[in-house]
Protein backbone atom coordinates (compact mmCIF):
# COMPACT_ATOMS: atom_id res chain seq x y z
CA MET A 1 -24.89 18.65 11.23
CA ILE A 2 -21.53 16.96 10.68
CA SER A 3 -22.66 15.52 7.33
CA ARG A 4 -23.96 18.89 6.20
CA LEU A 5 -20.76 20.68 7.21
CA LEU A 6 -18.68 18.15 5.28
CA GLU A 7 -20.82 18.79 2.19
CA LEU A 8 -20.41 22.56 2.53
CA PHE A 9 -16.66 22.40 3.10
CA HIS A 10 -16.14 20.15 0.08
CA ALA A 11 -18.40 22.29 -2.12
CA SER A 12 -16.71 25.53 -1.05
CA GLU A 13 -13.19 24.21 -1.63
CA GLY A 14 -13.48 24.49 -5.39
CA ASP A 15 -15.69 27.60 -5.45
CA SER A 16 -13.54 30.61 -6.31
CA ASN A 17 -16.26 32.93 -4.99
CA VAL A 18 -15.73 31.57 -1.48
CA LYS A 19 -12.74 33.23 0.21
CA ILE A 20 -13.24 32.25 3.85
CA ILE A 21 -15.51 30.06 5.99
CA ILE A 22 -17.27 31.68 8.95
CA LEU A 23 -18.62 29.19 11.48
CA LYS A 24 -20.82 30.21 14.39
CA GLY A 25 -23.52 28.78 16.63
CA ASN A 26 -27.21 29.53 16.71
CA GLY A 27 -28.14 30.48 20.26
CA ARG A 28 -26.27 30.28 23.56
CA ALA A 29 -23.69 27.79 22.30
CA PHE A 30 -21.18 27.55 19.52
CA CYS A 31 -21.48 23.77 19.85
CA ALA A 32 -21.79 21.67 22.99
CA GLY A 33 -20.77 18.48 21.17
CA GLY A 34 -22.67 15.45 19.93
CA ASP A 35 -25.66 13.86 21.65
CA VAL A 36 -23.91 11.21 23.73
CA THR A 37 -27.17 9.59 24.86
CA THR A 38 -28.03 8.96 21.20
CA ILE A 39 -24.76 7.04 20.86
CA VAL A 40 -25.69 4.93 23.89
CA ARG A 41 -29.17 4.20 22.49
CA ASN A 42 -27.73 3.11 19.13
CA ILE A 43 -25.22 0.83 20.84
CA CYS A 44 -27.95 -0.71 23.00
CA HIS A 45 -30.07 -1.34 19.88
CA GLY A 46 -27.19 -3.06 18.13
CA ASN A 47 -26.65 -0.34 15.53
CA SER A 48 -22.89 -0.88 15.36
CA LYS A 49 -22.57 0.58 11.84
CA TRP A 50 -23.96 3.94 12.96
CA VAL A 51 -21.71 3.91 16.01
CA ALA A 52 -18.63 3.51 13.75
CA ASP A 53 -19.87 5.98 11.09
CA TYR A 54 -20.56 8.80 13.55
CA PRO A 55 -16.96 9.30 14.80
CA ARG A 56 -15.67 8.53 11.29
CA GLN A 57 -17.55 11.52 9.87
CA GLU A 58 -16.72 13.70 12.87
CA PHE A 59 -12.97 13.05 12.69
CA THR A 60 -12.98 13.39 8.90
CA LEU A 61 -14.56 16.83 9.32
CA ASN A 62 -11.87 17.77 11.86
CA TYR A 63 -9.17 16.74 9.38
CA VAL A 64 -10.80 18.66 6.52
CA MET A 65 -10.86 21.75 8.75
CA ALA A 66 -7.20 21.27 9.66
CA ILE A 67 -5.96 21.08 6.05
CA TYR A 68 -8.53 23.37 4.42
CA SER A 69 -7.08 25.66 1.76
CA LYS A 70 -9.23 28.62 2.84
CA PRO A 71 -9.19 30.21 6.29
CA GLN A 72 -11.90 29.17 8.73
CA VAL A 73 -13.07 31.77 11.25
CA SER A 74 -14.94 30.18 14.18
CA ILE A 75 -16.87 32.60 16.38
CA LEU A 76 -16.94 30.93 19.80
CA ASN A 77 -19.61 32.99 21.50
CA GLY A 78 -20.98 30.67 24.17
CA ILE A 79 -20.49 27.00 25.07
CA VAL A 80 -17.67 25.24 23.21
CA MET A 81 -17.50 21.70 24.51
CA ARG A 82 -16.46 18.25 23.35
CA GLY A 83 -17.00 18.03 19.58
CA GLY A 84 -17.56 21.78 19.44
CA LEU A 85 -13.97 22.36 20.48
CA SER A 86 -12.68 19.93 17.85
CA ALA A 87 -14.84 21.58 15.18
CA SER A 88 -13.15 24.93 15.78
CA VAL A 89 -9.61 24.48 17.09
CA HIS A 90 -8.47 22.73 13.91
CA GLY A 91 -9.44 25.82 11.89
CA ARG A 92 -7.17 28.83 11.31
CA PHE A 93 -8.94 31.50 13.43
CA ARG A 94 -10.88 31.07 16.69
CA VAL A 95 -12.59 34.12 18.13
CA ALA A 96 -13.48 33.90 21.82
CA THR A 97 -15.70 36.31 23.76
CA GLU A 98 -16.56 36.98 27.39
CA LYS A 99 -19.37 34.41 26.96
CA SER A 100 -17.09 31.59 25.82
CA VAL A 101 -16.82 28.47 27.99
CA CYS A 102 -14.81 25.55 26.67
CA ALA A 103 -14.07 22.10 28.08
CA MET A 104 -13.55 18.49 27.16
CA PRO A 105 -15.09 16.69 30.17
CA GLU A 106 -14.74 13.25 28.57
CA THR A 107 -12.92 11.53 31.43
CA ALA A 108 -15.92 12.15 33.70
CA LEU A 109 -18.08 10.29 31.14
CA GLY A 110 -15.78 7.32 30.67
CA LEU A 111 -14.68 8.71 27.30
CA VAL A 112 -11.37 9.99 25.91
CA PRO A 113 -11.00 13.59 24.62
CA ASP A 114 -10.30 13.72 20.87
CA ALA A 115 -7.88 16.51 21.59
CA SER A 116 -4.44 14.91 21.68
CA TYR A 117 -3.13 17.03 18.80
CA PHE A 118 -4.02 20.45 20.17
CA TYR A 119 -3.98 19.74 23.93
CA SER A 120 -0.45 18.37 23.62
CA ARG A 121 0.64 21.68 22.09
CA LEU A 122 -0.70 24.03 24.75
CA PRO A 123 1.88 25.87 26.88
CA GLY A 124 3.75 23.69 29.37
CA PHE A 125 1.57 20.87 30.67
CA PHE A 126 -1.65 22.89 30.62
CA GLY A 127 -3.15 20.59 27.99
CA LYS A 128 -2.70 17.54 30.20
CA TYR A 129 -4.35 19.43 33.05
CA ALA A 130 -7.31 20.48 30.90
CA GLY A 131 -7.70 17.09 29.23
CA LEU A 132 -7.51 14.96 32.36
CA THR A 133 -9.63 17.14 34.67
CA GLY A 134 -12.13 18.43 32.08
CA ALA A 135 -11.51 21.94 33.44
CA ARG A 136 -13.76 24.68 32.11
CA LEU A 137 -11.92 27.61 30.57
CA ASP A 138 -13.35 31.04 29.80
CA GLY A 139 -12.64 33.10 26.71
CA VAL A 140 -9.68 34.93 28.24
CA GLU A 141 -8.08 31.64 29.29
CA MET A 142 -8.70 30.21 25.81
CA LEU A 143 -6.79 33.16 24.36
CA ALA A 144 -3.97 32.84 26.90
CA CYS A 145 -3.35 29.16 26.13
CA ASP A 146 -3.82 29.49 22.34
CA LEU A 147 -7.13 27.62 22.02
CA ALA A 148 -8.41 30.98 20.72
CA THR A 149 -6.49 33.25 18.37
CA HIS A 150 -8.45 36.44 19.17
CA PHE A 151 -10.74 37.86 21.86
CA VAL A 152 -13.60 40.07 20.67
CA PRO A 153 -16.27 41.42 23.06
CA SER A 154 -19.65 39.97 22.06
CA GLU A 155 -21.19 43.37 21.33
CA ARG A 156 -18.62 43.87 18.56
CA LEU A 157 -19.36 40.56 16.80
CA PRO A 158 -22.01 41.97 14.40
CA TYR A 159 -19.48 44.54 13.16
CA LEU A 160 -16.78 41.88 12.84
CA GLU A 161 -19.09 39.67 10.78
CA GLN A 162 -19.98 42.61 8.53
CA ALA A 163 -16.30 43.29 7.93
CA LEU A 164 -15.52 39.63 7.24
CA ALA A 165 -18.45 39.38 4.82
CA LYS A 166 -16.74 41.98 2.63
CA VAL A 167 -13.46 40.06 2.43
CA ASN A 168 -12.35 39.28 -1.12
CA THR A 169 -9.19 37.37 -0.30
CA SER A 170 -8.06 34.16 1.41
CA ASP A 171 -4.88 35.79 2.68
CA PRO A 172 -4.75 34.87 6.40
CA ASP A 173 -2.71 37.98 7.21
CA VAL A 174 -5.46 40.23 5.86
CA ILE A 175 -8.14 38.30 7.73
CA SER A 176 -6.14 38.35 10.96
CA ALA A 177 -5.72 42.12 10.64
CA ILE A 178 -9.48 42.57 10.22
CA ILE A 179 -10.27 40.48 13.32
CA SER A 180 -7.59 42.33 15.27
CA ARG A 181 -9.37 45.66 14.64
CA PHE A 182 -12.23 44.44 16.85
CA SER A 183 -10.07 42.55 19.36
CA ASN A 184 -8.57 43.32 22.71
CA ILE A 185 -6.48 41.40 25.25
CA PRO A 186 -8.35 41.31 28.58
CA LYS A 187 -6.81 40.31 31.88
CA LEU A 188 -7.11 36.85 33.32
CA LYS A 189 -9.23 36.47 36.45
CA ALA A 190 -7.26 36.35 39.68
CA LYS A 191 -8.37 32.74 40.33
CA SER A 192 -7.66 31.51 36.81
CA PRO A 193 -5.88 28.12 36.65
CA TYR A 194 -3.57 29.73 34.12
CA HIS A 195 -1.99 31.53 37.05
CA LYS A 196 -1.19 28.09 38.50
CA MET A 197 1.18 27.11 35.70
CA LYS A 198 4.06 26.48 38.09
CA ILE A 199 2.01 23.90 40.01
CA ILE A 200 0.50 22.45 36.82
CA ASP A 201 3.89 22.00 35.18
CA HIS A 202 5.34 20.48 38.33
CA CYS A 203 2.50 17.97 38.86
CA PHE A 204 1.18 17.17 35.38
CA SER A 205 4.66 16.51 33.99
CA ARG A 206 4.65 13.21 35.92
CA ARG A 207 4.62 9.96 33.96
CA THR A 208 1.54 8.34 35.53
CA ILE A 209 -1.85 9.42 36.88
CA GLU A 210 -0.90 8.02 40.29
CA GLU A 211 2.21 10.22 40.34
CA ILE A 212 0.22 13.27 39.22
CA ILE A 213 -2.28 12.84 42.06
CA SER A 214 0.48 12.18 44.60
CA SER A 215 2.35 15.28 43.47
CA LEU A 216 -0.83 17.38 43.77
CA GLU A 217 -1.44 16.05 47.27
CA ASN A 218 2.10 16.99 48.28
CA CYS A 219 1.59 20.50 46.86
CA GLU A 220 -1.72 20.78 48.70
CA ALA A 221 0.00 20.12 52.03
CA LEU A 222 2.68 22.71 51.34
CA ASN A 223 0.70 25.41 49.55
CA LYS A 224 -2.11 26.90 51.64
CA LYS A 225 -2.70 29.79 49.22
CA ASP A 226 -3.77 27.45 46.40
CA GLU A 227 -5.18 24.74 48.66
CA TYR A 228 -8.79 25.03 47.38
CA TRP A 229 -7.83 24.89 43.70
CA ILE A 230 -5.47 21.97 44.24
CA SER A 231 -8.11 20.09 46.24
CA SER A 232 -10.71 20.64 43.49
CA THR A 233 -8.25 19.40 40.88
CA ILE A 234 -7.54 16.25 42.90
CA GLN A 235 -11.26 15.59 43.31
CA SER A 236 -11.86 16.01 39.57
CA LEU A 237 -9.24 13.35 38.89
CA LYS A 238 -10.52 10.99 41.57
CA LYS A 239 -14.11 11.22 40.32
CA ALA A 240 -13.15 10.50 36.70
CA SER A 241 -12.97 7.05 35.13
CA PRO A 242 -9.58 5.53 36.04
CA THR A 243 -9.45 3.81 32.65
CA SER A 244 -10.24 7.04 30.80
CA LEU A 245 -7.57 8.90 32.75
CA LYS A 246 -4.84 6.42 31.86
CA ILE A 247 -5.83 6.23 28.19
CA SER A 248 -6.11 10.02 27.92
CA LEU A 249 -2.72 10.62 29.49
CA LYS A 250 -1.00 8.33 26.97
CA SER A 251 -3.03 9.81 24.09
CA ILE A 252 -2.06 13.41 24.89
CA ARG A 253 1.56 12.41 25.43
CA ASP A 254 1.68 10.55 22.08
CA GLY A 255 -0.05 13.44 20.31
CA ARG A 256 2.90 15.74 20.91
CA LEU A 257 5.00 13.73 18.45
CA GLN A 258 2.30 13.14 15.81
CA GLY A 259 0.64 15.16 13.06
CA VAL A 260 -3.06 15.90 13.12
CA GLY A 261 -3.93 13.03 10.77
CA SER A 262 -2.11 10.43 12.86
CA CYS A 263 -3.78 11.76 16.01
CA LEU A 264 -7.26 11.50 14.49
CA ILE A 265 -6.67 7.98 13.15
CA ARG A 266 -5.55 6.89 16.61
CA GLU A 267 -8.44 8.68 18.33
CA TYR A 268 -10.91 7.00 15.98
CA ARG A 269 -9.62 3.59 17.10
CA MET A 270 -9.89 4.66 20.72
CA ALA A 271 -13.44 5.98 20.31
CA CYS A 272 -14.57 2.76 18.62
CA HIS A 273 -13.05 0.63 21.39
CA VAL A 274 -14.83 2.75 24.01
CA TYR A 275 -18.19 2.64 22.22
CA ARG A 276 -17.97 -1.11 21.69
CA GLY A 277 -17.37 -1.66 25.42
CA GLU A 278 -14.94 -4.52 24.75
CA PHE A 279 -12.58 -3.81 27.63
CA SER A 280 -14.66 -1.59 29.90
CA ILE A 281 -18.25 -0.35 30.18
CA ASP A 282 -17.26 2.90 31.88
CA PHE A 283 -18.73 4.93 29.01
CA PHE A 284 -22.19 3.51 29.64
CA GLU A 285 -21.84 3.98 33.39
CA GLY A 286 -20.65 7.57 33.00
CA CYS A 287 -23.59 8.41 30.74
CA ARG A 288 -25.99 6.79 33.19
CA ALA A 289 -24.63 8.71 36.17
CA ILE A 290 -24.26 12.13 34.53
CA LEU A 291 -26.73 12.31 31.64
CA ILE A 292 -29.54 9.82 32.36
CA ASP A 293 -30.06 9.19 36.10
CA LYS A 294 -27.98 12.29 36.95
CA ASP A 295 -26.99 10.95 40.35
CA ARG A 296 -23.34 11.79 39.54
CA ASN A 297 -22.28 8.63 41.35
CA SER A 298 -20.41 6.63 38.73
CA LYS A 299 -19.39 3.07 39.61
CA TRP A 300 -16.26 2.60 37.53
CA GLU A 301 -14.84 -0.81 36.67
CA PRO A 302 -11.94 -1.19 37.33
CA SER A 303 -12.53 1.16 40.25
CA ARG A 304 -8.90 1.94 41.08
CA LEU A 305 -5.98 3.19 39.02
CA GLU A 306 -3.60 0.50 40.24
CA LEU A 307 -5.84 -2.21 38.77
CA ILE A 308 -5.24 -0.95 35.21
CA THR A 309 -2.07 -2.23 33.55
CA TYR A 310 -0.03 -0.87 30.66
CA ASP A 311 -1.37 -3.72 28.52
CA ASP A 312 -4.95 -2.67 29.37
CA VAL A 313 -4.19 0.84 28.13
CA ASP A 314 -2.39 -0.32 24.97
CA ARG A 315 -5.42 -2.30 23.82
CA TYR A 316 -7.29 0.95 23.17
CA PHE A 317 -4.60 2.01 20.69
CA SER A 318 -4.74 -1.20 18.62
CA LYS A 319 -6.77 -1.97 15.52
CA ILE A 320 -10.17 -3.50 16.21
CA ASP A 321 -10.29 -7.24 15.61
CA ASP A 322 -13.34 -7.24 13.33
CA GLU A 323 -13.24 -7.93 9.58
CA ASP A 324 -16.08 -5.46 9.01
CA TRP A 325 -14.22 -2.63 10.74
CA GLN A 326 -11.76 -0.34 8.97
CA ASP A 327 -9.30 2.30 10.15
CA LEU A 328 -10.15 5.93 9.54
CA LYS A 329 -9.41 6.82 5.90
CA LEU A 330 -8.59 10.51 5.59
CA PRO A 331 -9.21 12.51 2.38
CA PRO A 332 -6.25 13.40 0.13
CA ARG A 333 -4.34 16.63 0.69
CA SER A 334 -4.09 19.26 -2.03
CA ASN A 335 -3.26 22.97 -2.28
CA LEU A 336 -2.37 23.16 1.39
CA PRO A 337 -1.63 26.59 2.88
CA PRO A 338 1.51 26.89 5.06
CA TYR A 339 -0.47 26.85 8.33
CA ALA A 340 -2.04 23.52 7.32
CA ILE A 341 1.25 21.98 6.24
CA ALA A 342 2.65 22.77 9.68
CA LYS A 343 0.05 20.47 11.25
CA LEU A 344 1.13 17.45 9.23
């Protein structure tokens, strides 16, 4: 799918008949991400070239979407997880519905979310909360935190697509106005984590995972009204891979000061380190516990946050010591629209 999308994006770039790209899923999901168990099987069978090529193509596609000269409209009607979020958020327009559910639950799998560019730019410290806990957000929450640009009820989508199909311009203002005709701004649910921004900003602004958890525990003791939500957040962090948590925190923090290309190059290194299992096999253990055996009882190694040093974390950000391995090479930029230039 990634290879085919790259072909279509490249072919459409120079086609004057193509004004916009409309991307949508086929069924109950927009895209739930790549098949992680396939990655594990290829690693176990020694297919290291495929393991490096897969994230290389995926991250190249994300970059092409981010700098594309024509607006991309992603219709996020259903599940939008892992790679599905990356394949939409980098585009110009993201249309959520009441059926949208997005998340990057990578830390529970021993992975790292390839989301440091856009998670670092969410309001306050909401991106750190979402990235570290893997929290599931609905369509209204996606709109509130800017992961979506519009909210359109699912029954209006056929009419929206008909209107977009008639577009004869790449002017983003015109396209935005068309989508807005079918949009509304619904209210957040009473229990939405977006209502917990004061707690999130207070706790997830801390420098380390240990300090984040400690701050949440202090808030839990003092805040009976939000006790259940705080407790669930603490448990999500404690069940995740300690290594993934520490790497992800640094990645999202670094992403705030980097352009989209730099973020993707760094995330490619991190993904390759994780897949190669050089420093930790948490990825394989997370897949076993959640996707294969499904006992949801991951045995992480190291098992505790305090056993992971700054040097351990920094290794995931370094080039891979292998003469056959290369850094991610991104395609050249040309004819960039203003909204793409802003990402660089």
